[in-house]
Amino acid sequence: LYFSEQEGILFFYHIRGLQYEMKICADIVEPISSLLFSPDYTILLLVTDQGTIYTYKPARRGEAVKLLDASSSCFLAADFLPPENKYCVSVTISGEVQVWLLEDGTSLSKTNLNIEVHVT
């Protein structure tokens, strides 16, 4: 079980029967608004309240890596584009939809919906 707190810390609970062990996986300092696993569960996307997107690879147990920075516009949500998990798609509050290369955050395409986007 992965979860985060307001302080931007990603936790992992390993649960066995009635016992559990808690580990801190990453501390990104920014509050995390959503967590999303890739379809094959190899990559976890972390979207912060400030709109920055990080990747975390549970098998490597390393630090979270900043993929997309919110310097130009606040990312509201992101998701993987299957089947290969090489790409992700994001949307900003202003309605800009972008496809990114997951490896290094290179923008491959974008379009604007010309509407303000909200998450419910």
Protein backbone atom coordinates (compact mmCIF):
# COMPACT_ATOMS: atom_id res chain seq x y z
CA LEU A 1 0.00 0.00 0.00
CA TYR A 2 1.47 3.38 -1.03
CA PHE A 3 0.16 6.65 0.37
CA SER A 4 1.30 10.20 1.04
CA GLU A 5 0.83 12.89 3.64
CA GLN A 6 0.45 16.65 3.31
CA GLU A 7 4.19 17.13 3.81
CA GLY A 8 5.01 15.39 0.50
CA ILE A 9 6.32 12.14 1.92
CA LEU A 10 5.58 8.92 0.03
CA PHE A 11 5.05 5.95 2.37
CA PHE A 12 4.86 2.21 1.72
CA TYR A 13 3.01 -0.16 4.02
CA HIS A 14 3.97 -3.81 3.63
CA ILE A 15 1.08 -5.76 5.12
CA ARG A 16 1.31 -9.44 6.10
CA GLY A 17 -1.72 -10.82 7.86
CA LEU A 18 -2.26 -8.68 10.96
CA GLN A 19 1.26 -7.20 10.91
CA TYR A 20 2.61 -4.34 8.87
CA GLU A 21 5.86 -2.52 8.26
CA MET A 22 5.98 1.14 7.23
CA LYS A 23 8.81 2.60 5.13
CA ILE A 24 9.45 6.11 3.84
CA CYS A 25 10.08 5.86 0.08
CA ALA A 26 10.58 9.47 -0.95
CA ASP A 27 10.30 13.01 0.37
CA ILE A 28 9.55 15.54 -2.35
CA VAL A 29 8.76 18.40 0.06
CA GLU A 30 5.65 19.45 -1.93
CA PRO A 31 2.21 18.13 -0.88
CA ILE A 32 1.18 15.22 -3.14
CA SER A 33 -2.33 15.50 -4.59
CA SER A 34 -2.49 12.18 -6.45
CA LEU A 35 -0.67 8.88 -6.95
CA LEU A 36 -1.10 6.76 -10.05
CA PHE A 37 0.49 3.43 -10.96
CA SER A 38 1.38 2.47 -14.52
CA PRO A 39 -0.69 -0.45 -15.87
CA ASP A 40 2.22 -2.85 -15.22
CA TYR A 41 2.86 -1.38 -11.73
CA THR A 42 6.51 -0.52 -12.45
CA ILE A 43 6.21 3.27 -12.20
CA LEU A 44 4.27 5.50 -9.83
CA LEU A 45 3.37 9.05 -10.93
CA LEU A 46 3.18 11.61 -8.13
CA VAL A 47 1.33 14.85 -8.88
CA THR A 48 1.85 17.66 -6.37
CA ASP A 49 -0.48 20.44 -5.25
CA GLN A 50 1.87 22.86 -7.03
CA GLY A 51 1.43 20.88 -10.26
CA THR A 52 4.85 19.26 -10.52
CA ILE A 53 4.95 15.61 -11.64
CA TYR A 54 7.45 13.09 -10.27
CA THR A 55 8.11 9.44 -11.11
CA TYR A 56 8.98 6.78 -8.57
CA LYS A 57 10.06 3.23 -9.42
CA PRO A 58 9.20 0.92 -6.48
CA ALA A 59 11.49 -1.91 -7.65
CA ARG A 60 14.52 0.41 -7.54
CA ARG A 61 13.56 2.04 -4.22
CA GLY A 62 15.33 5.22 -5.15
CA GLU A 63 14.27 8.80 -4.89
CA ALA A 64 11.36 10.27 -6.79
CA VAL A 65 12.55 11.96 -9.99
CA LYS A 66 11.07 15.25 -11.18
CA LEU A 67 9.57 14.61 -14.62
CA LEU A 68 7.59 17.76 -15.32
CA ASP A 69 8.00 21.11 -13.64
CA ALA A 70 5.09 23.42 -13.00
CA SER A 71 7.09 26.49 -13.96
CA SER A 72 4.94 27.40 -16.95
CA SER A 73 1.52 26.08 -15.94
CA CYS A 74 0.11 24.03 -13.10
CA PHE A 75 -0.42 20.37 -14.02
CA LEU A 76 -3.75 19.22 -12.68
CA ALA A 77 -3.63 15.52 -13.54
CA ALA A 78 -1.55 12.95 -15.39
CA ASP A 79 -1.91 9.40 -16.61
CA PHE A 80 0.05 6.75 -18.50
CA LEU A 81 -0.50 5.96 -22.17
CA PRO A 82 -0.41 2.16 -22.47
CA PRO A 83 0.61 -0.34 -23.66
CA GLU A 84 4.34 0.28 -23.24
CA ASN A 85 4.41 2.93 -20.46
CA LYS A 86 6.81 5.07 -22.49
CA TYR A 87 4.52 8.09 -22.50
CA CYS A 88 2.25 9.99 -20.18
CA VAL A 89 -0.45 12.55 -20.81
CA SER A 90 -1.11 15.57 -18.60
CA VAL A 91 -3.64 18.35 -18.40
CA THR A 92 -3.22 21.80 -16.91
CA ILE A 93 -5.81 23.96 -15.19
CA SER A 94 -5.91 26.15 -18.31
CA GLY A 95 -6.90 23.13 -20.47
CA GLU A 96 -3.58 22.36 -22.13
CA VAL A 97 -3.23 18.62 -22.83
CA GLN A 98 0.30 17.33 -23.44
CA VAL A 99 1.93 14.01 -24.26
CA TRP A 100 5.33 13.50 -22.65
CA LEU A 101 8.15 11.00 -23.00
CA LEU A 102 8.23 9.32 -19.60
CA GLU A 103 11.98 8.72 -19.70
CA ASP A 104 13.03 12.36 -19.57
CA GLY A 105 9.93 14.59 -19.73
CA THR A 106 10.36 15.62 -23.38
CA SER A 107 7.13 17.14 -24.69
CA LEU A 108 5.96 15.30 -27.82
CA SER A 109 2.68 17.04 -28.56
CA LYS A 110 0.17 19.39 -27.05
CA THR A 111 -3.23 20.86 -27.72
CA ASN A 112 -5.41 23.33 -25.90
CA LEU A 113 -9.00 22.51 -24.98
CA ASN A 114 -9.72 26.24 -24.56
CA ILE A 115 -11.58 25.61 -21.30
CA GLU A 116 -10.65 25.69 -17.63
CA VAL A 117 -10.27 22.16 -16.25
CA HIS A 118 -11.35 20.97 -12.79
CA VAL A 119 -10.92 17.65 -10.99
CA THR A 120 -13.89 16.16 -9.17
